[in-house]
Amino acid sequence: MEKRQVHIEPEVVSWEMAAVLRAMTPAERIESLRAMWRFSQTLIRAGVRMQHPDWDESRVTHEVARRVAHGSA
């Protein structure tokens, strides 16, 4: 299987967002990151299930991991 090159442009944090992040404690920042990660996993999993309703949970989980790893899983 051919691996595709993924180019990701970094986003610049706005001044407003930087102020919000600075005001957070380290624990709050980590919890925010965890919440975003869980949300992204939920969206990806829902998309895989919509595209492949016949797949079992194990196959869905593998596909979610593959997509998160940009095809390297």
PDB file of N, CA and C in Angstrom:
ATOM      1  N   MET A   1       0.851  -1.176   0.000  1.00  0.00           N
ATOM      2  CA  MET A   1       0.000   0.000   0.000  1.00  0.00           C
ATOM      3  C   MET A   1       0.898   1.242   0.000  1.00  0.00           C
ATOM      4  N   GLU A   2       0.595   2.156  -0.872  1.00  0.00           N
ATOM      5  CA  GLU A   2       1.379   3.392  -0.971  1.00  0.00           C
ATOM      6  C   GLU A   2       0.977   4.349   0.142  1.00  0.00           C
ATOM      7  N   LYS A   3       1.988   4.905   0.800  1.00  0.00           N
ATOM      8  CA  LYS A   3       1.719   5.885   1.859  1.00  0.00           C
ATOM      9  C   LYS A   3       1.687   7.270   1.241  1.00  0.00           C
ATOM     10  N   ARG A   4       0.694   8.036   1.604  1.00  0.00           N
ATOM     11  CA  ARG A   4       0.599   9.387   1.061  1.00  0.00           C
ATOM     12  C   ARG A   4       1.261  10.370   2.011  1.00  0.00           C
ATOM     13  N   GLN A   5       1.830  11.388   1.437  1.00  0.00           N
ATOM     14  CA  GLN A   5       2.482  12.442   2.212  1.00  0.00           C
ATOM     15  C   GLN A   5       1.407  13.387   2.739  1.00  0.00           C
ATOM     16  N   VAL A   6       1.462  13.675   4.009  1.00  0.00           N
ATOM     17  CA  VAL A   6       0.493  14.589   4.615  1.00  0.00           C
ATOM     18  C   VAL A   6       1.224  15.865   4.994  1.00  0.00           C
ATOM     19  N   HIS A   7       0.770  16.977   4.448  1.00  0.00           N
ATOM     20  CA  HIS A   7       1.369  18.272   4.767  1.00  0.00           C
ATOM     21  C   HIS A   7       0.381  19.039   5.630  1.00  0.00           C
ATOM     22  N   ILE A   8       0.817  19.399   6.807  1.00  0.00           N
ATOM     23  CA  ILE A   8      -0.054  20.121   7.734  1.00  0.00           C
ATOM     24  C   ILE A   8       0.515  21.506   7.978  1.00  0.00           C
ATOM     25  N   GLU A   9      -0.279  22.518   7.696  1.00  0.00           N
ATOM     26  CA  GLU A   9       0.128  23.896   7.952  1.00  0.00           C
ATOM     27  C   GLU A   9      -0.135  24.218   9.419  1.00  0.00           C
ATOM     28  N   PRO A  10       0.855  24.716  10.120  1.00  0.00           N
ATOM     29  CA  PRO A  10       0.614  25.083  11.520  1.00  0.00           C
ATOM     30  C   PRO A  10      -0.316  26.290  11.609  1.00  0.00           C
ATOM     31  N   GLU A  11      -1.166  26.272  12.606  1.00  0.00           N
ATOM     32  CA  GLU A  11      -2.056  27.405  12.829  1.00  0.00           C
ATOM     33  C   GLU A  11      -1.396  28.376  13.789  1.00  0.00           C
ATOM     34  N   VAL A  12      -1.645  29.640  13.577  1.00  0.00           N
ATOM     35  CA  VAL A  12      -1.116  30.669  14.463  1.00  0.00           C
ATOM     36  C   VAL A  12      -2.178  30.957  15.517  1.00  0.00           C
ATOM     37  N   VAL A  13      -1.766  30.940  16.767  1.00  0.00           N
ATOM     38  CA  VAL A  13      -2.695  31.207  17.868  1.00  0.00           C
ATOM     39  C   VAL A  13      -2.978  32.701  17.929  1.00  0.00           C
ATOM     40  N   SER A  14      -4.259  33.044  18.014  1.00  0.00           N
ATOM     41  CA  SER A  14      -4.628  34.458  18.117  1.00  0.00           C
ATOM     42  C   SER A  14      -4.216  34.996  19.485  1.00  0.00           C
ATOM     43  N   TRP A  15      -4.121  36.311  19.581  1.00  0.00           N
ATOM     44  CA  TRP A  15      -3.783  36.945  20.856  1.00  0.00           C
ATOM     45  C   TRP A  15      -4.811  36.600  21.919  1.00  0.00           C
ATOM     46  N   GLU A  16      -6.081  36.551  21.511  1.00  0.00           N
ATOM     47  CA  GLU A  16      -7.150  36.243  22.457  1.00  0.00           C
ATOM     48  C   GLU A  16      -7.015  34.818  22.994  1.00  0.00           C
ATOM     49  N   MET A  17      -6.750  33.881  22.077  1.00  0.00           N
ATOM     50  CA  MET A  17      -6.605  32.489  22.506  1.00  0.00           C
ATOM     51  C   MET A  17      -5.360  32.307  23.366  1.00  0.00           C
ATOM     52  N   ALA A  18      -4.294  33.006  23.027  1.00  0.00           N
ATOM     53  CA  ALA A  18      -3.073  32.941  23.833  1.00  0.00           C
ATOM     54  C   ALA A  18      -3.350  33.414  25.259  1.00  0.00           C
ATOM     55  N   ALA A  19      -4.161  34.461  25.397  1.00  0.00           N
ATOM     56  CA  ALA A  19      -4.505  34.965  26.732  1.00  0.00           C
ATOM     57  C   ALA A  19      -5.314  33.931  27.512  1.00  0.00           C
ATOM     58  N   VAL A  20      -6.237  33.266  26.836  1.00  0.00           N
ATOM     59  CA  VAL A  20      -7.034  32.223  27.490  1.00  0.00           C
ATOM     60  C   VAL A  20      -6.128  31.085  27.954  1.00  0.00           C
ATOM     61  N   LEU A  21      -5.215  30.660  27.097  1.00  0.00           N
ATOM     62  CA  LEU A  21      -4.307  29.563  27.451  1.00  0.00           C
ATOM     63  C   LEU A  21      -3.373  29.943  28.597  1.00  0.00           C
ATOM     64  N   ARG A  22      -2.883  31.175  28.582  1.00  0.00           N
ATOM     65  CA  ARG A  22      -2.001  31.628  29.668  1.00  0.00           C
ATOM     66  C   ARG A  22      -2.727  31.656  31.010  1.00  0.00           C
ATOM     67  N   ALA A  23      -4.020  31.937  30.976  1.00  0.00           N
ATOM     68  CA  ALA A  23      -4.798  32.025  32.214  1.00  0.00           C
ATOM     69  C   ALA A  23      -5.117  30.645  32.800  1.00  0.00           C
ATOM     70  N   MET A  24      -4.957  29.597  32.005  1.00  0.00           N
ATOM     71  CA  MET A  24      -5.251  28.241  32.480  1.00  0.00           C
ATOM     72  C   MET A  24      -4.085  27.683  33.287  1.00  0.00           C
ATOM     73  N   THR A  25      -4.429  26.849  34.242  1.00  0.00           N
ATOM     74  CA  THR A  25      -3.389  26.117  34.965  1.00  0.00           C
ATOM     75  C   THR A  25      -2.898  24.986  34.055  1.00  0.00           C
ATOM     76  N   PRO A  26      -1.733  24.422  34.325  1.00  0.00           N
ATOM     77  CA  PRO A  26      -1.280  23.273  33.528  1.00  0.00           C
ATOM     78  C   PRO A  26      -2.304  22.131  33.520  1.00  0.00           C
ATOM     79  N   ALA A  27      -2.920  21.872  34.655  1.00  0.00           N
ATOM     80  CA  ALA A  27      -3.927  20.807  34.717  1.00  0.00           C
ATOM     81  C   ALA A  27      -5.125  21.123  33.823  1.00  0.00           C
ATOM     82  N   GLU A  28      -5.534  22.389  33.783  1.00  0.00           N
ATOM     83  CA  GLU A  28      -6.655  22.784  32.919  1.00  0.00           C
ATOM     84  C   GLU A  28      -6.282  22.624  31.449  1.00  0.00           C
ATOM     85  N   ARG A  29      -5.053  22.959  31.093  1.00  0.00           N
ATOM     86  CA  ARG A  29      -4.613  22.799  29.703  1.00  0.00           C
ATOM     87  C   ARG A  29      -4.610  21.327  29.296  1.00  0.00           C
ATOM     88  N   ILE A  30      -4.132  20.480  30.193  1.00  0.00           N
ATOM     89  CA  ILE A  30      -4.113  19.044  29.896  1.00  0.00           C
ATOM     90  C   ILE A  30      -5.530  18.504  29.758  1.00  0.00           C
ATOM     91  N   GLU A  31      -6.425  18.906  30.633  1.00  0.00           N
ATOM     92  CA  GLU A  31      -7.814  18.450  30.549  1.00  0.00           C
ATOM     93  C   GLU A  31      -8.474  18.944  29.270  1.00  0.00           C
ATOM     94  N   SER A  32      -8.169  20.170  28.852  1.00  0.00           N
ATOM     95  CA  SER A  32      -8.698  20.702  27.601  1.00  0.00           C
ATOM     96  C   SER A  32      -8.202  19.869  26.417  1.00  0.00           C
ATOM     97  N   LEU A  33      -6.936  19.530  26.430  1.00  0.00           N
ATOM     98  CA  LEU A  33      -6.361  18.693  25.374  1.00  0.00           C
ATOM     99  C   LEU A  33      -7.027  17.318  25.356  1.00  0.00           C
ATOM    100  N   ARG A  34      -7.214  16.727  26.531  1.00  0.00           N
ATOM    101  CA  ARG A  34      -7.866  15.415  26.612  1.00  0.00           C
ATOM    102  C   ARG A  34      -9.287  15.472  26.054  1.00  0.00           C
ATOM    103  N   ALA A  35     -10.009  16.541  26.367  1.00  0.00           N
ATOM    104  CA  ALA A  35     -11.381  16.687  25.874  1.00  0.00           C
ATOM    105  C   ALA A  35     -11.400  16.821  24.352  1.00  0.00           C
ATOM    106  N   MET A  36     -10.462  17.592  23.802  1.00  0.00           N
ATOM    107  CA  MET A  36     -10.388  17.740  22.343  1.00  0.00           C
ATOM    108  C   MET A  36     -10.037  16.412  21.681  1.00  0.00           C
ATOM    109  N   TRP A  37      -9.123  15.649  22.299  1.00  0.00           N
ATOM    110  CA  TRP A  37      -8.732  14.342  21.766  1.00  0.00           C
ATOM    111  C   TRP A  37      -9.933  13.388  21.752  1.00  0.00           C
ATOM    112  N   ARG A  38     -10.667  13.341  22.863  1.00  0.00           N
ATOM    113  CA  ARG A  38     -11.848  12.468  22.925  1.00  0.00           C
ATOM    114  C   ARG A  38     -12.883  12.878  21.876  1.00  0.00           C
ATOM    115  N   PHE A  39     -13.082  14.180  21.705  1.00  0.00           N
ATOM    116  CA  PHE A  39     -14.046  14.670  20.721  1.00  0.00           C
ATOM    117  C   PHE A  39     -13.622  14.278  19.305  1.00  0.00           C
ATOM    118  N   SER A  40     -12.334  14.434  18.996  1.00  0.00           N
ATOM    119  CA  SER A  40     -11.856  14.070  17.658  1.00  0.00           C
ATOM    120  C   SER A  40     -12.025  12.571  17.414  1.00  0.00           C
ATOM    121  N   GLN A  41     -11.754  11.754  18.426  1.00  0.00           N
ATOM    122  CA  GLN A  41     -11.934  10.308  18.294  1.00  0.00           C
ATOM    123  C   GLN A  41     -13.407   9.971  18.052  1.00  0.00           C
ATOM    124  N   THR A  42     -14.292  10.648  18.742  1.00  0.00           N
ATOM    125  CA  THR A  42     -15.726  10.424  18.574  1.00  0.00           C
ATOM    126  C   THR A  42     -16.162  10.760  17.155  1.00  0.00           C
ATOM    127  N   LEU A  43     -15.681  11.894  16.623  1.00  0.00           N
ATOM    128  CA  LEU A  43     -16.043  12.287  15.255  1.00  0.00           C
ATOM    129  C   LEU A  43     -15.504  11.313  14.224  1.00  0.00           C
ATOM    130  N   ILE A  44     -14.247  10.920  14.371  1.00  0.00           N
ATOM    131  CA  ILE A  44     -13.645   9.983  13.419  1.00  0.00           C
ATOM    132  C   ILE A  44     -14.383   8.648  13.466  1.00  0.00           C
ATOM    133  N   ARG A  45     -14.639   8.151  14.674  1.00  0.00           N
ATOM    134  CA  ARG A  45     -15.340   6.870  14.842  1.00  0.00           C
ATOM    135  C   ARG A  45     -16.733   6.931  14.201  1.00  0.00           C
ATOM    136  N   ALA A  46     -17.452   8.028  14.401  1.00  0.00           N
ATOM    137  CA  ALA A  46     -18.787   8.173  13.802  1.00  0.00           C
ATOM    138  C   ALA A  46     -18.701   8.174  12.281  1.00  0.00           C
ATOM    139  N   GLY A  47     -17.688   8.846  11.745  1.00  0.00           N
ATOM    140  CA  GLY A  47     -17.505   8.865  10.297  1.00  0.00           C
ATOM    141  C   GLY A  47     -17.215   7.485   9.737  1.00  0.00           C
ATOM    142  N   VAL A  48     -16.353   6.736  10.415  1.00  0.00           N
ATOM    143  CA  VAL A  48     -16.030   5.370   9.973  1.00  0.00           C
ATOM    144  C   VAL A  48     -17.281   4.496  10.025  1.00  0.00           C
ATOM    145  N   ARG A  49     -18.049   4.612  11.094  1.00  0.00           N
ATOM    146  CA  ARG A  49     -19.276   3.802  11.212  1.00  0.00           C
ATOM    147  C   ARG A  49     -20.287   4.143  10.120  1.00  0.00           C
ATOM    148  N   MET A  50     -20.375   5.436   9.766  1.00  0.00           N
ATOM    149  CA  MET A  50     -21.293   5.835   8.691  1.00  0.00           C
ATOM    150  C   MET A  50     -20.833   5.272   7.352  1.00  0.00           C
ATOM    151  N   GLN A  51     -19.522   5.295   7.115  1.00  0.00           N
ATOM    152  CA  GLN A  51     -18.991   4.800   5.844  1.00  0.00           C
ATOM    153  C   GLN A  51     -19.017   3.276   5.754  1.00  0.00           C
ATOM    154  N   HIS A  52     -18.923   2.608   6.907  1.00  0.00           N
ATOM    155  CA  HIS A  52     -18.833   1.146   6.930  1.00  0.00           C
ATOM    156  C   HIS A  52     -19.741   0.569   8.018  1.00  0.00           C
ATOM    157  N   PRO A  53     -21.058   0.646   7.838  1.00  0.00           N
ATOM    158  CA  PRO A  53     -21.973   0.181   8.883  1.00  0.00           C
ATOM    159  C   PRO A  53     -21.884  -1.324   9.152  1.00  0.00           C
ATOM    160  N   ASP A  54     -21.312  -2.075   8.225  1.00  0.00           N
ATOM    161  CA  ASP A  54     -21.203  -3.524   8.385  1.00  0.00           C
ATOM    162  C   ASP A  54     -19.958  -3.958   9.162  1.00  0.00           C
ATOM    163  N   TRP A  55     -19.040  -3.035   9.465  1.00  0.00           N
ATOM    164  CA  TRP A  55     -17.808  -3.390  10.160  1.00  0.00           C
ATOM    165  C   TRP A  55     -18.074  -3.644  11.637  1.00  0.00           C
ATOM    166  N   ASP A  56     -17.324  -4.595  12.204  1.00  0.00           N
ATOM    167  CA  ASP A  56     -17.418  -4.831  13.645  1.00  0.00           C
ATOM    168  C   ASP A  56     -16.567  -3.801  14.399  1.00  0.00           C
ATOM    169  N   GLU A  57     -16.716  -3.787  15.725  1.00  0.00           N
ATOM    170  CA  GLU A  57     -16.053  -2.767  16.550  1.00  0.00           C
ATOM    171  C   GLU A  57     -14.532  -2.826  16.431  1.00  0.00           C
ATOM    172  N   SER A  58     -13.989  -4.017  16.320  1.00  0.00           N
ATOM    173  CA  SER A  58     -12.540  -4.173  16.199  1.00  0.00           C
ATOM    174  C   SER A  58     -12.017  -3.521  14.921  1.00  0.00           C
ATOM    175  N   ARG A  59     -12.716  -3.737  13.828  1.00  0.00           N
ATOM    176  CA  ARG A  59     -12.292  -3.152  12.550  1.00  0.00           C
ATOM    177  C   ARG A  59     -12.447  -1.634  12.565  1.00  0.00           C
ATOM    178  N   VAL A  60     -13.522  -1.143  13.173  1.00  0.00           N
ATOM    179  CA  VAL A  60     -13.722   0.308  13.297  1.00  0.00           C
ATOM    180  C   VAL A  60     -12.580   0.914  14.110  1.00  0.00           C
ATOM    181  N   THR A  61     -12.245   0.284  15.229  1.00  0.00           N
ATOM    182  CA  THR A  61     -11.165   0.784  16.086  1.00  0.00           C
ATOM    183  C   THR A  61      -9.843   0.820  15.334  1.00  0.00           C
ATOM    184  N   HIS A  62      -9.560  -0.219  14.560  1.00  0.00           N
ATOM    185  CA  HIS A  62      -8.321  -0.250  13.774  1.00  0.00           C
ATOM    186  C   HIS A  62      -8.305   0.883  12.747  1.00  0.00           C
ATOM    187  N   GLU A  63      -9.424   1.121  12.090  1.00  0.00           N
ATOM    188  CA  GLU A  63      -9.489   2.184  11.081  1.00  0.00           C
ATOM    189  C   GLU A  63      -9.344   3.560  11.714  1.00  0.00           C
ATOM    190  N   VAL A  64      -9.935   3.761  12.885  1.00  0.00           N
ATOM    191  CA  VAL A  64      -9.770   5.034  13.596  1.00  0.00           C
ATOM    192  C   VAL A  64      -8.294   5.252  13.901  1.00  0.00           C
ATOM    193  N   ALA A  65      -7.621   4.228  14.400  1.00  0.00           N
ATOM    194  CA  ALA A  65      -6.189   4.335  14.709  1.00  0.00           C
ATOM    195  C   ALA A  65      -5.380   4.636  13.453  1.00  0.00           C
ATOM    196  N   ARG A  66      -5.726   3.980  12.346  1.00  0.00           N
ATOM    197  CA  ARG A  66      -5.011   4.211  11.083  1.00  0.00           C
ATOM    198  C   ARG A  66      -5.166   5.660  10.628  1.00  0.00           C
ATOM    199  N   ARG A  67      -6.373   6.177  10.730  1.00  0.00           N
ATOM    200  CA  ARG A  67      -6.609   7.557  10.299  1.00  0.00           C
ATOM    201  C   ARG A  67      -5.905   8.561  11.204  1.00  0.00           C
ATOM    202  N   VAL A  68      -5.918   8.304  12.493  1.00  0.00           N
ATOM    203  CA  VAL A  68      -5.239   9.205  13.430  1.00  0.00           C
ATOM    204  C   VAL A  68      -3.740   9.204  13.168  1.00  0.00           C
ATOM    205  N   ALA A  69      -3.202   8.039  12.800  1.00  0.00           N
ATOM    206  CA  ALA A  69      -1.765   7.903  12.547  1.00  0.00           C
ATOM    207  C   ALA A  69      -1.409   8.251  11.096  1.00  0.00           C
ATOM    208  N   HIS A  70      -2.331   8.845  10.361  1.00  0.00           N
ATOM    209  CA  HIS A  70      -2.128   9.220   8.954  1.00  0.00           C
ATOM    210  C   HIS A  70      -1.700   8.026   8.114  1.00  0.00           C
ATOM    211  N   GLY A  71      -2.309   6.881   8.380  1.00  0.00           N
ATOM    212  CA  GLY A  71      -2.056   5.702   7.573  1.00  0.00           C
ATOM    213  C   GLY A  71      -0.880   4.861   8.011  1.00  0.00           C
ATOM    214  N   SER A  72      -0.182   5.251   9.061  1.00  0.00           N
ATOM    215  CA  SER A  72       0.989   4.478   9.475  1.00  0.00           C
ATOM    216  C   SER A  72       0.641   3.353  10.440  1.00  0.00           C
ATOM    217  N   ALA A  73      -0.614   3.276  10.876  1.00  0.00           N
ATOM    218  CA  ALA A  73      -1.008   2.208  11.817  1.00  0.00           C
ATOM    219  C   ALA A  73      -1.489   0.994  11.058  1.00  0.00           C
TER     220      ALA A  73
END
